[in-house]
Amino acid sequence: MDELKSEIAAVAARMVVEEGLDFGAAKRRAIKQMGLPPRTALPSNDDMEEAVIEYISIFCADTQPDELLALRRLALVWMTRMAEFRPCLGGSVWHGYATLTSDIYIQLFCDDSKSAEIALIDHKVDYVPRTVTGFHGDSVEALSIHAFCPELGEEVGVHLLIYDRDDVRGAMRPDAKGRTPRGDLAAVQRLMHDQAP
């Protein structure tokens, strides 16, 4: 990564950790803050992930592990509630660089796209439907919830991304680094067991 991209990644990483921005928004805001032209070449998401992990190791090493564990516990609560839809945890909470400002992203694999919504209604859970970019790059429906996290003492955004049942086959294909991009209930439980003090 060249020096300018490295500098952009460092500025953007602070925004990801401190403000909870996603990588794309953080990169765009970083180049604006740095006074760079809009067409400036941006660091890749892999470079961003490395910069975020480095930022956490320098500025948040004492608090981040407990915050991550609290977010994983909250994710597990929602995965258990939505177990019939084969939930998988993704994003920073799965990969291990989530902090207090991070949201939780859970993919659900449903026979009927409305069934998860009906389950939330049946459990009297308030949610906001929205459209987000899914793991194939296409638009998917998301049901966004504000869930109270007792360990953190505040509300956390939980986003349930709705996929067709057949999409689960490609969901576990390793990424460019050979990592599993998301984990099911058993995988999250193993992560938490490994992470527990």
N, C-alpha and C. Protein backbone atom coordinates (compact mmCIF):
# COMPACT_ATOMS: atom_id res chain seq x y z
N MET A 1 0.86 -1.17 0.00
CA MET A 1 0.00 0.00 0.00
C MET A 1 0.91 1.23 0.00
N ASP A 2 0.65 2.16 -0.93
CA ASP A 2 1.50 3.34 -0.99
C ASP A 2 1.20 4.28 0.19
N GLU A 3 2.07 5.28 0.35
CA GLU A 3 2.01 6.14 1.54
C GLU A 3 0.69 6.89 1.69
N LEU A 4 0.15 7.42 0.58
CA LEU A 4 -1.10 8.17 0.65
C LEU A 4 -2.26 7.25 1.04
N LYS A 5 -2.34 6.08 0.41
CA LYS A 5 -3.40 5.14 0.76
C LYS A 5 -3.29 4.73 2.23
N SER A 6 -2.07 4.56 2.69
CA SER A 6 -1.83 4.18 4.08
C SER A 6 -2.33 5.29 5.02
N GLU A 7 -2.08 6.54 4.64
CA GLU A 7 -2.53 7.68 5.45
C GLU A 7 -4.06 7.76 5.46
N ILE A 8 -4.68 7.56 4.29
CA ILE A 8 -6.15 7.56 4.21
C ILE A 8 -6.72 6.46 5.10
N ALA A 9 -6.12 5.26 5.03
CA ALA A 9 -6.59 4.13 5.83
C ALA A 9 -6.50 4.44 7.32
N ALA A 10 -5.42 5.10 7.74
CA ALA A 10 -5.24 5.43 9.16
C ALA A 10 -6.30 6.43 9.64
N VAL A 11 -6.56 7.46 8.82
CA VAL A 11 -7.57 8.45 9.18
C VAL A 11 -8.95 7.79 9.21
N ALA A 12 -9.24 6.98 8.20
CA ALA A 12 -10.54 6.30 8.11
C ALA A 12 -10.72 5.29 9.24
N ALA A 13 -9.65 4.62 9.63
CA ALA A 13 -9.73 3.62 10.70
C ALA A 13 -10.21 4.25 12.00
N ARG A 14 -9.72 5.47 12.29
CA ARG A 14 -10.16 6.16 13.49
C ARG A 14 -11.67 6.38 13.45
N MET A 15 -12.20 6.73 12.27
CA MET A 15 -13.64 6.98 12.12
C MET A 15 -14.44 5.69 12.28
N VAL A 16 -13.89 4.59 11.79
CA VAL A 16 -14.57 3.29 11.93
C VAL A 16 -14.67 2.93 13.42
N VAL A 17 -13.56 3.06 14.14
CA VAL A 17 -13.52 2.65 15.54
C VAL A 17 -14.27 3.63 16.44
N GLU A 18 -14.02 4.92 16.26
CA GLU A 18 -14.57 5.92 17.17
C GLU A 18 -16.01 6.32 16.86
N GLU A 19 -16.41 6.24 15.56
CA GLU A 19 -17.73 6.72 15.17
C GLU A 19 -18.64 5.62 14.63
N GLY A 20 -18.10 4.42 14.42
CA GLY A 20 -18.92 3.32 13.93
C GLY A 20 -19.24 3.39 12.45
N LEU A 21 -18.47 4.17 11.68
CA LEU A 21 -18.72 4.23 10.23
C LEU A 21 -18.32 2.93 9.56
N ASP A 22 -18.98 2.61 8.44
CA ASP A 22 -18.53 1.46 7.66
C ASP A 22 -17.31 1.90 6.84
N PHE A 23 -16.61 0.93 6.26
CA PHE A 23 -15.36 1.24 5.56
C PHE A 23 -15.56 2.25 4.44
N GLY A 24 -16.60 2.07 3.63
CA GLY A 24 -16.83 2.97 2.49
C GLY A 24 -17.04 4.41 2.91
N ALA A 25 -17.93 4.60 3.89
CA ALA A 25 -18.22 5.96 4.38
C ALA A 25 -16.98 6.58 5.03
N ALA A 26 -16.22 5.78 5.76
CA ALA A 26 -15.03 6.29 6.43
C ALA A 26 -13.97 6.72 5.41
N LYS A 27 -13.79 5.93 4.35
CA LYS A 27 -12.81 6.30 3.33
C LYS A 27 -13.21 7.59 2.63
N ARG A 28 -14.49 7.73 2.30
CA ARG A 28 -14.95 8.95 1.62
C ARG A 28 -14.79 10.17 2.52
N ARG A 29 -15.13 10.01 3.80
CA ARG A 29 -15.00 11.14 4.71
C ARG A 29 -13.52 11.48 4.95
N ALA A 30 -12.66 10.46 4.99
CA ALA A 30 -11.23 10.69 5.21
C ALA A 30 -10.63 11.54 4.09
N ILE A 31 -10.96 11.21 2.82
CA ILE A 31 -10.35 12.00 1.74
C ILE A 31 -10.89 13.43 1.74
N LYS A 32 -12.14 13.59 2.14
CA LYS A 32 -12.71 14.94 2.24
C LYS A 32 -12.00 15.72 3.36
N GLN A 33 -11.85 15.08 4.51
CA GLN A 33 -11.19 15.72 5.66
C GLN A 33 -9.74 16.07 5.34
N MET A 34 -9.09 15.22 4.53
CA MET A 34 -7.69 15.44 4.18
C MET A 34 -7.53 16.42 3.02
N GLY A 35 -8.65 16.89 2.46
CA GLY A 35 -8.61 17.85 1.36
C GLY A 35 -8.14 17.25 0.05
N LEU A 36 -8.37 15.97 -0.13
CA LEU A 36 -7.94 15.27 -1.36
C LEU A 36 -9.06 15.29 -2.40
N PRO A 37 -8.70 15.18 -3.68
CA PRO A 37 -9.72 15.14 -4.73
C PRO A 37 -10.63 13.91 -4.57
N PRO A 38 -11.91 14.04 -4.98
CA PRO A 38 -12.86 12.92 -4.84
C PRO A 38 -12.41 11.64 -5.57
N ARG A 39 -11.62 11.77 -6.62
CA ARG A 39 -11.19 10.58 -7.38
C ARG A 39 -9.88 9.98 -6.88
N THR A 40 -9.46 10.37 -5.70
CA THR A 40 -8.23 9.82 -5.12
C THR A 40 -8.37 8.30 -4.96
N ALA A 41 -7.31 7.58 -5.31
CA ALA A 41 -7.32 6.11 -5.15
C ALA A 41 -7.43 5.77 -3.66
N LEU A 42 -8.36 4.88 -3.35
CA LEU A 42 -8.65 4.55 -1.95
C LEU A 42 -7.99 3.23 -1.55
N PRO A 43 -7.73 3.06 -0.26
CA PRO A 43 -7.22 1.77 0.22
C PRO A 43 -8.31 0.70 0.07
N SER A 44 -7.88 -0.54 -0.09
CA SER A 44 -8.84 -1.64 -0.20
C SER A 44 -9.46 -1.92 1.17
N ASN A 45 -10.53 -2.70 1.17
CA ASN A 45 -11.14 -3.08 2.45
C ASN A 45 -10.20 -3.93 3.30
N ASP A 46 -9.36 -4.75 2.66
CA ASP A 46 -8.36 -5.52 3.41
C ASP A 46 -7.38 -4.57 4.10
N ASP A 47 -6.95 -3.51 3.37
CA ASP A 47 -6.05 -2.52 3.96
C ASP A 47 -6.75 -1.80 5.11
N MET A 48 -8.04 -1.51 4.93
CA MET A 48 -8.81 -0.85 5.98
C MET A 48 -8.89 -1.74 7.22
N GLU A 49 -9.15 -3.01 7.01
CA GLU A 49 -9.25 -3.93 8.14
C GLU A 49 -7.94 -3.95 8.93
N GLU A 50 -6.81 -3.99 8.22
CA GLU A 50 -5.50 -3.97 8.89
C GLU A 50 -5.32 -2.67 9.67
N ALA A 51 -5.73 -1.54 9.09
CA ALA A 51 -5.59 -0.24 9.76
C ALA A 51 -6.48 -0.18 11.00
N VAL A 52 -7.68 -0.73 10.92
CA VAL A 52 -8.59 -0.75 12.07
C VAL A 52 -8.00 -1.60 13.19
N ILE A 53 -7.49 -2.77 12.85
CA ILE A 53 -6.89 -3.65 13.85
C ILE A 53 -5.69 -2.97 14.51
N GLU A 54 -4.89 -2.26 13.71
CA GLU A 54 -3.73 -1.54 14.25
C GLU A 54 -4.19 -0.41 15.18
N TYR A 55 -5.22 0.33 14.77
CA TYR A 55 -5.75 1.42 15.60
C TYR A 55 -6.23 0.87 16.94
N ILE A 56 -6.97 -0.24 16.89
CA ILE A 56 -7.49 -0.86 18.12
C ILE A 56 -6.33 -1.27 19.02
N SER A 57 -5.29 -1.86 18.44
CA SER A 57 -4.16 -2.34 19.25
C SER A 57 -3.44 -1.19 19.96
N ILE A 58 -3.45 0.00 19.34
CA ILE A 58 -2.77 1.15 19.93
C ILE A 58 -3.66 1.89 20.93
N PHE A 59 -4.93 2.13 20.55
CA PHE A 59 -5.78 3.03 21.33
C PHE A 59 -6.87 2.34 22.16
N CYS A 60 -7.19 1.10 21.87
CA CYS A 60 -8.34 0.46 22.53
C CYS A 60 -8.03 -0.94 23.07
N ALA A 61 -6.77 -1.27 23.19
CA ALA A 61 -6.40 -2.65 23.56
C ALA A 61 -6.97 -3.07 24.92
N ASP A 62 -7.17 -2.11 25.81
CA ASP A 62 -7.66 -2.46 27.15
C ASP A 62 -9.17 -2.64 27.21
N THR A 63 -9.92 -2.01 26.29
CA THR A 63 -11.39 -2.07 26.33
C THR A 63 -12.01 -2.94 25.24
N GLN A 64 -11.37 -3.05 24.09
CA GLN A 64 -11.98 -3.71 22.93
C GLN A 64 -12.31 -5.18 23.16
N PRO A 65 -11.47 -5.99 23.79
CA PRO A 65 -11.84 -7.41 23.97
C PRO A 65 -13.16 -7.60 24.71
N ASP A 66 -13.39 -6.80 25.77
CA ASP A 66 -14.64 -6.92 26.52
C ASP A 66 -15.83 -6.44 25.69
N GLU A 67 -15.63 -5.37 24.93
CA GLU A 67 -16.70 -4.85 24.06
C GLU A 67 -17.06 -5.89 23.00
N LEU A 68 -16.04 -6.51 22.41
CA LEU A 68 -16.27 -7.55 21.40
C LEU A 68 -17.05 -8.72 21.99
N LEU A 69 -16.65 -9.16 23.17
CA LEU A 69 -17.34 -10.29 23.81
C LEU A 69 -18.80 -9.94 24.10
N ALA A 70 -19.06 -8.71 24.56
CA ALA A 70 -20.43 -8.27 24.83
C ALA A 70 -21.26 -8.27 23.54
N LEU A 71 -20.68 -7.79 22.44
CA LEU A 71 -21.39 -7.76 21.17
C LEU A 71 -21.65 -9.18 20.66
N ARG A 72 -20.68 -10.07 20.83
CA ARG A 72 -20.88 -11.46 20.41
C ARG A 72 -21.98 -12.12 21.25
N ARG A 73 -22.03 -11.81 22.53
CA ARG A 73 -23.10 -12.37 23.38
C ARG A 73 -24.47 -11.89 22.92
N LEU A 74 -24.55 -10.59 22.60
CA LEU A 74 -25.83 -10.04 22.12
C LEU A 74 -26.19 -10.66 20.76
N ALA A 75 -25.21 -10.83 19.90
CA ALA A 75 -25.45 -11.48 18.61
C ALA A 75 -25.99 -12.89 18.82
N LEU A 76 -25.41 -13.61 19.76
CA LEU A 76 -25.85 -14.98 20.04
C LEU A 76 -27.30 -15.02 20.52
N VAL A 77 -27.71 -14.01 21.31
CA VAL A 77 -29.10 -13.92 21.76
C VAL A 77 -30.02 -13.84 20.54
N TRP A 78 -29.69 -12.95 19.60
CA TRP A 78 -30.55 -12.78 18.42
C TRP A 78 -30.45 -13.96 17.47
N MET A 79 -29.29 -14.57 17.36
CA MET A 79 -29.17 -15.76 16.51
C MET A 79 -30.01 -16.90 17.07
N THR A 80 -30.03 -17.03 18.39
CA THR A 80 -30.84 -18.07 19.03
C THR A 80 -32.32 -17.80 18.81
N ARG A 81 -32.73 -16.53 18.96
CA ARG A 81 -34.14 -16.16 18.73
C ARG A 81 -34.56 -16.46 17.30
N MET A 82 -33.65 -16.28 16.36
CA MET A 82 -33.98 -16.45 14.94
C MET A 82 -33.41 -17.76 14.39
N ALA A 83 -33.18 -18.74 15.25
CA ALA A 83 -32.50 -19.98 14.87
C ALA A 83 -33.17 -20.72 13.71
N GLU A 84 -34.49 -20.61 13.60
CA GLU A 84 -35.18 -21.33 12.52
C GLU A 84 -34.78 -20.84 11.13
N PHE A 85 -34.13 -19.66 11.06
CA PHE A 85 -33.74 -19.08 9.76
C PHE A 85 -32.25 -19.26 9.47
N ARG A 86 -31.61 -20.22 10.11
CA ARG A 86 -30.21 -20.55 9.89
C ARG A 86 -29.31 -19.30 9.93
N PRO A 87 -29.29 -18.58 11.06
CA PRO A 87 -28.55 -17.32 11.15
C PRO A 87 -27.04 -17.51 11.06
N CYS A 88 -26.38 -16.55 10.43
CA CYS A 88 -24.92 -16.50 10.37
C CYS A 88 -24.47 -15.09 10.74
N LEU A 89 -23.48 -15.00 11.60
CA LEU A 89 -22.93 -13.72 12.01
C LEU A 89 -21.81 -13.32 11.06
N GLY A 90 -21.80 -12.05 10.63
CA GLY A 90 -20.75 -11.55 9.75
C GLY A 90 -20.17 -10.26 10.28
N GLY A 91 -19.39 -9.59 9.45
CA GLY A 91 -18.87 -8.26 9.78
C GLY A 91 -17.83 -8.26 10.88
N SER A 92 -17.65 -7.09 11.49
CA SER A 92 -16.59 -6.88 12.47
C SER A 92 -16.79 -7.70 13.74
N VAL A 93 -18.04 -7.99 14.10
CA VAL A 93 -18.29 -8.79 15.30
C VAL A 93 -17.80 -10.22 15.08
N TRP A 94 -18.00 -10.75 13.89
CA TRP A 94 -17.50 -12.09 13.55
C TRP A 94 -15.98 -12.09 13.42
N HIS A 95 -15.43 -11.10 12.70
CA HIS A 95 -13.99 -11.09 12.41
C HIS A 95 -13.13 -10.64 13.59
N GLY A 96 -13.76 -10.04 14.61
CA GLY A 96 -13.02 -9.77 15.84
C GLY A 96 -12.48 -8.37 16.01
N TYR A 97 -12.88 -7.43 15.17
CA TYR A 97 -12.40 -6.06 15.36
C TYR A 97 -13.54 -5.08 15.68
N ALA A 98 -14.62 -5.60 16.21
CA ALA A 98 -15.75 -4.73 16.62
C ALA A 98 -15.40 -4.01 17.91
N THR A 99 -15.99 -2.81 18.05
CA THR A 99 -15.82 -2.01 19.26
C THR A 99 -17.20 -1.54 19.71
N LEU A 100 -17.21 -0.72 20.74
CA LEU A 100 -18.44 -0.17 21.31
C LEU A 100 -19.37 0.45 20.27
N THR A 101 -18.81 1.03 19.21
CA THR A 101 -19.63 1.73 18.21
C THR A 101 -20.09 0.82 17.06
N SER A 102 -19.71 -0.45 17.08
CA SER A 102 -20.03 -1.36 15.97
C SER A 102 -21.46 -1.88 16.05
N ASP A 103 -22.05 -2.08 14.89
CA ASP A 103 -23.35 -2.74 14.80
C ASP A 103 -23.13 -4.24 14.56
N ILE A 104 -24.19 -5.00 14.75
CA ILE A 104 -24.17 -6.46 14.56
C ILE A 104 -24.90 -6.78 13.27
N TYR A 105 -24.28 -7.61 12.41
CA TYR A 105 -24.89 -8.00 11.14
C TYR A 105 -25.07 -9.52 11.12
N ILE A 106 -26.34 -9.93 11.03
CA ILE A 106 -26.69 -11.36 11.02
C ILE A 106 -27.44 -11.64 9.73
N GLN A 107 -26.95 -12.63 8.97
CA GLN A 107 -27.66 -13.05 7.77
C GLN A 107 -28.62 -14.19 8.12
N LEU A 108 -29.86 -14.07 7.61
CA LEU A 108 -30.87 -15.11 7.80
C LEU A 108 -31.19 -15.72 6.44
N PHE A 109 -31.38 -17.03 6.40
CA PHE A 109 -31.64 -17.74 5.15
C PHE A 109 -33.04 -18.35 5.24
N CYS A 110 -33.98 -17.73 4.53
CA CYS A 110 -35.40 -18.02 4.71
C CYS A 110 -36.02 -18.67 3.48
N ASP A 111 -36.99 -19.56 3.71
CA ASP A 111 -37.79 -20.12 2.61
C ASP A 111 -38.67 -19.04 2.01
N ASP A 112 -39.17 -18.17 2.87
CA ASP A 112 -40.07 -17.09 2.45
C ASP A 112 -39.51 -15.79 3.02
N SER A 113 -39.30 -14.80 2.18
CA SER A 113 -38.63 -13.57 2.62
C SER A 113 -39.39 -12.84 3.72
N LYS A 114 -40.68 -13.07 3.85
CA LYS A 114 -41.48 -12.37 4.88
C LYS A 114 -41.52 -13.13 6.20
N SER A 115 -41.03 -14.36 6.23
CA SER A 115 -41.17 -15.17 7.44
C SER A 115 -40.39 -14.61 8.63
N ALA A 116 -39.21 -14.05 8.39
CA ALA A 116 -38.45 -13.46 9.49
C ALA A 116 -39.16 -12.22 10.03
N GLU A 117 -39.73 -11.45 9.12
CA GLU A 117 -40.48 -10.26 9.52
C GLU A 117 -41.68 -10.66 10.39
N ILE A 118 -42.38 -11.70 9.98
CA ILE A 118 -43.53 -12.20 10.75
C ILE A 118 -43.09 -12.68 12.13
N ALA A 119 -41.92 -13.34 12.20
CA ALA A 119 -41.41 -13.81 13.49
C ALA A 119 -41.15 -12.63 14.43
N LEU A 120 -40.60 -11.53 13.90
CA LEU A 120 -40.36 -10.35 14.73
C LEU A 120 -41.69 -9.73 15.21
N ILE A 121 -42.67 -9.68 14.31
CA ILE A 121 -43.99 -9.14 14.67
C ILE A 121 -44.62 -10.00 15.77
N ASP A 122 -44.53 -11.34 15.59
CA ASP A 122 -45.09 -12.26 16.59
C ASP A 122 -44.45 -12.06 17.97
N HIS A 123 -43.15 -11.70 17.98
CA HIS A 123 -42.44 -11.49 19.25
C HIS A 123 -42.51 -10.03 19.71
N LYS A 124 -43.35 -9.22 19.01
CA LYS A 124 -43.55 -7.80 19.35
C LYS A 124 -42.24 -7.01 19.38
N VAL A 125 -41.39 -7.28 18.38
CA VAL A 125 -40.10 -6.58 18.25
C VAL A 125 -40.27 -5.47 17.22
N ASP A 126 -39.92 -4.24 17.62
CA ASP A 126 -39.95 -3.11 16.68
C ASP A 126 -38.73 -3.18 15.79
N TYR A 127 -38.94 -2.96 14.51
CA TYR A 127 -37.83 -3.01 13.55
C TYR A 127 -38.10 -1.99 12.44
N VAL A 128 -37.05 -1.68 11.71
CA VAL A 128 -37.17 -0.78 10.56
C VAL A 128 -36.69 -1.55 9.34
N PRO A 129 -37.57 -1.73 8.33
CA PRO A 129 -37.11 -2.42 7.11
C PRO A 129 -36.30 -1.45 6.26
N ARG A 130 -35.23 -1.95 5.67
CA ARG A 130 -34.40 -1.14 4.78
C ARG A 130 -33.75 -2.04 3.75
N THR A 131 -33.12 -1.45 2.78
CA THR A 131 -32.39 -2.20 1.76
C THR A 131 -30.91 -1.89 1.91
N VAL A 132 -30.08 -2.94 1.93
CA VAL A 132 -28.63 -2.78 2.07
C VAL A 132 -27.94 -3.61 0.99
N THR A 133 -26.64 -3.41 0.85
CA THR A 133 -25.86 -4.22 -0.10
C THR A 133 -25.50 -5.53 0.58
N GLY A 134 -25.82 -6.63 -0.08
CA GLY A 134 -25.57 -7.96 0.48
C GLY A 134 -24.20 -8.49 0.13
N PHE A 135 -23.92 -9.74 0.54
CA PHE A 135 -22.59 -10.29 0.33
C PHE A 135 -22.29 -10.66 -1.11
N HIS A 136 -23.30 -10.65 -1.99
CA HIS A 136 -23.05 -10.86 -3.42
C HIS A 136 -22.95 -9.53 -4.17
N GLY A 137 -23.09 -8.41 -3.43
CA GLY A 137 -23.04 -7.09 -4.06
C GLY A 137 -24.40 -6.60 -4.53
N ASP A 138 -25.44 -7.43 -4.39
CA ASP A 138 -26.78 -7.01 -4.80
C ASP A 138 -27.55 -6.47 -3.59
N SER A 139 -28.71 -5.90 -3.84
CA SER A 139 -29.53 -5.35 -2.75
C SER A 139 -30.29 -6.45 -2.04
N VAL A 140 -30.29 -6.39 -0.72
CA VAL A 140 -31.07 -7.33 0.08
C VAL A 140 -31.86 -6.56 1.13
N GLU A 141 -32.96 -7.16 1.56
CA GLU A 141 -33.77 -6.55 2.61
C GLU A 141 -33.09 -6.78 3.95
N ALA A 142 -33.13 -5.76 4.79
CA ALA A 142 -32.61 -5.87 6.16
C ALA A 142 -33.67 -5.38 7.12
N LEU A 143 -33.76 -6.06 8.25
CA LEU A 143 -34.66 -5.66 9.32
C LEU A 143 -33.76 -5.16 10.45
N SER A 144 -33.81 -3.86 10.73
CA SER A 144 -32.90 -3.25 11.70
C SER A 144 -33.61 -3.03 13.04
N ILE A 145 -32.92 -3.43 14.10
CA ILE A 145 -33.46 -3.41 15.46
C ILE A 145 -32.48 -2.65 16.35
N HIS A 146 -33.01 -1.94 17.34
CA HIS A 146 -32.17 -1.39 18.41
C HIS A 146 -32.34 -2.33 19.59
N ALA A 147 -31.27 -3.02 19.95
CA ALA A 147 -31.32 -3.98 21.05
C ALA A 147 -30.44 -3.49 22.19
N PHE A 148 -30.98 -3.53 23.41
CA PHE A 148 -30.20 -3.09 24.56
C PHE A 148 -29.17 -4.15 24.91
N CYS A 149 -27.93 -3.71 25.09
CA CYS A 149 -26.84 -4.61 25.50
C CYS A 149 -26.52 -4.31 26.96
N PRO A 150 -26.92 -5.18 27.89
CA PRO A 150 -26.70 -4.91 29.32
C PRO A 150 -25.23 -4.72 29.67
N GLU A 151 -24.35 -5.50 29.04
CA GLU A 151 -22.92 -5.41 29.38
C GLU A 151 -22.31 -4.07 28.96
N LEU A 152 -22.81 -3.50 27.87
CA LEU A 152 -22.31 -2.21 27.40
C LEU A 152 -23.12 -1.05 27.95
N GLY A 153 -24.32 -1.35 28.46
CA GLY A 153 -25.18 -0.33 29.02
C GLY A 153 -25.78 0.60 27.98
N GLU A 154 -25.92 0.12 26.76
CA GLU A 154 -26.51 0.96 25.71
C GLU A 154 -27.12 0.13 24.59
N GLU A 155 -27.85 0.81 23.72
CA GLU A 155 -28.49 0.14 22.59
C GLU A 155 -27.48 -0.08 21.48
N VAL A 156 -27.64 -1.20 20.81
CA VAL A 156 -26.77 -1.59 19.71
C VAL A 156 -27.64 -1.87 18.49
N GLY A 157 -27.19 -1.46 17.33
CA GLY A 157 -27.91 -1.78 16.10
C GLY A 157 -27.69 -3.23 15.72
N VAL A 158 -28.79 -3.96 15.55
CA VAL A 158 -28.74 -5.35 15.08
C VAL A 158 -29.46 -5.38 13.74
N HIS A 159 -28.75 -5.80 12.70
CA HIS A 159 -29.32 -5.81 11.35
C HIS A 159 -29.45 -7.26 10.87
N LEU A 160 -30.69 -7.65 10.60
CA LEU A 160 -30.98 -9.01 10.12
C LEU A 160 -31.14 -8.92 8.60
N LEU A 161 -30.18 -9.46 7.87
CA LEU A 161 -30.20 -9.41 6.41
C LEU A 161 -30.88 -10.66 5.88
N ILE A 162 -31.87 -10.47 5.02
CA ILE A 162 -32.72 -11.57 4.58
C ILE A 162 -32.25 -12.11 3.23
N TYR A 163 -31.92 -13.40 3.21
CA TYR A 163 -31.49 -14.09 1.99
C TYR A 163 -32.42 -15.27 1.72
N ASP A 164 -32.42 -15.73 0.47
CA ASP A 164 -33.13 -16.97 0.13
C ASP A 164 -32.41 -18.14 0.79
N ARG A 165 -33.16 -19.17 1.09
CA ARG A 165 -32.58 -20.36 1.73
C ARG A 165 -31.42 -20.92 0.92
N ASP A 166 -31.51 -20.92 -0.41
CA ASP A 166 -30.48 -21.50 -1.26
C ASP A 166 -29.16 -20.73 -1.19
N ASP A 167 -29.19 -19.46 -0.77
CA ASP A 167 -27.96 -18.66 -0.70
C ASP A 167 -27.00 -19.15 0.38
N VAL A 168 -27.48 -19.97 1.31
CA VAL A 168 -26.63 -20.45 2.39
C VAL A 168 -25.46 -21.29 1.86
N ARG A 169 -25.66 -21.93 0.69
CA ARG A 169 -24.58 -22.77 0.13
C ARG A 169 -23.31 -21.98 -0.15
N GLY A 170 -23.45 -20.78 -0.71
CA GLY A 170 -22.27 -19.97 -1.02
C GLY A 170 -21.81 -19.08 0.12
N ALA A 171 -22.58 -19.05 1.19
CA ALA A 171 -22.31 -18.11 2.28
C ALA A 171 -21.04 -18.44 3.06
N MET A 172 -20.64 -19.69 3.06
CA MET A 172 -19.49 -20.10 3.86
C MET A 172 -18.21 -20.25 3.03
N ARG A 173 -18.28 -19.89 1.76
CA ARG A 173 -17.09 -19.97 0.90
C ARG A 173 -16.02 -19.03 1.44
N PRO A 174 -14.77 -19.50 1.61
CA PRO A 174 -13.72 -18.65 2.17
C PRO A 174 -13.47 -17.39 1.34
N ASP A 175 -13.05 -16.32 2.03
CA ASP A 175 -12.75 -15.07 1.34
C ASP A 175 -11.33 -15.12 0.77
N ALA A 176 -10.84 -13.98 0.26
CA ALA A 176 -9.53 -13.92 -0.38
C ALA A 176 -8.40 -14.30 0.58
N LYS A 177 -8.62 -14.09 1.88
CA LYS A 177 -7.60 -14.44 2.88
C LYS A 177 -7.75 -15.88 3.39
N GLY A 178 -8.72 -16.62 2.82
CA GLY A 178 -8.94 -17.99 3.25
C GLY A 178 -9.76 -18.12 4.52
N ARG A 179 -10.36 -17.01 4.98
CA ARG A 179 -11.17 -17.04 6.20
C ARG A 179 -12.63 -17.30 5.86
N THR A 180 -13.34 -17.91 6.79
CA THR A 180 -14.78 -18.05 6.64
C THR A 180 -15.39 -16.68 6.88
N PRO A 181 -16.15 -16.15 5.92
CA PRO A 181 -16.64 -14.78 6.05
C PRO A 181 -17.76 -14.58 7.06
N ARG A 182 -18.32 -15.66 7.57
CA ARG A 182 -19.40 -15.57 8.55
C ARG A 182 -19.47 -16.90 9.29
N GLY A 183 -20.17 -16.90 10.42
CA GLY A 183 -20.26 -18.12 11.21
C GLY A 183 -21.66 -18.39 11.70
N ASP A 184 -22.02 -19.66 11.76
CA ASP A 184 -23.34 -20.05 12.26
C ASP A 184 -23.31 -20.07 13.79
N LEU A 185 -24.43 -20.47 14.39
CA LEU A 185 -24.56 -20.48 15.85
C LEU A 185 -23.42 -21.24 16.53
N ALA A 186 -23.14 -22.44 16.06
CA ALA A 186 -22.09 -23.26 16.68
C ALA A 186 -20.73 -22.59 16.57
N ALA A 187 -20.45 -21.97 15.41
CA ALA A 187 -19.16 -21.30 15.21
C ALA A 187 -19.02 -20.10 16.15
N VAL A 188 -20.10 -19.35 16.35
CA VAL A 188 -20.05 -18.19 17.26
C VAL A 188 -19.86 -18.67 18.70
N GLN A 189 -20.52 -19.74 19.07
CA GLN A 189 -20.35 -20.29 20.42
C GLN A 189 -18.90 -20.72 20.64
N ARG A 190 -18.28 -21.34 19.62
CA ARG A 190 -16.87 -21.73 19.74
C ARG A 190 -15.97 -20.50 19.90
N LEU A 191 -16.25 -19.46 19.11
CA LEU A 191 -15.47 -18.21 19.21
C LEU A 191 -15.53 -17.65 20.62
N MET A 192 -16.74 -17.62 21.18
CA MET A 192 -16.91 -17.06 22.51
C MET A 192 -16.24 -17.93 23.57
N HIS A 193 -16.28 -19.23 23.39
CA HIS A 193 -15.60 -20.13 24.33
C HIS A 193 -14.09 -19.87 24.29
N ASP A 194 -13.56 -19.70 23.06
CA ASP A 194 -12.12 -19.44 22.90
C ASP A 194 -11.72 -18.08 23.45
N GLN A 195 -12.65 -17.12 23.37
CA GLN A 195 -12.36 -15.75 23.78
C GLN A 195 -12.55 -15.53 25.28
N ALA A 196 -13.35 -16.38 25.91
CA ALA A 196 -13.67 -16.18 27.33
C ALA A 196 -12.40 -16.20 28.19
N PRO A 197 -12.34 -15.32 29.22
CA PRO A 197 -11.13 -15.25 30.06
C PRO A 197 -10.92 -16.50 30.87
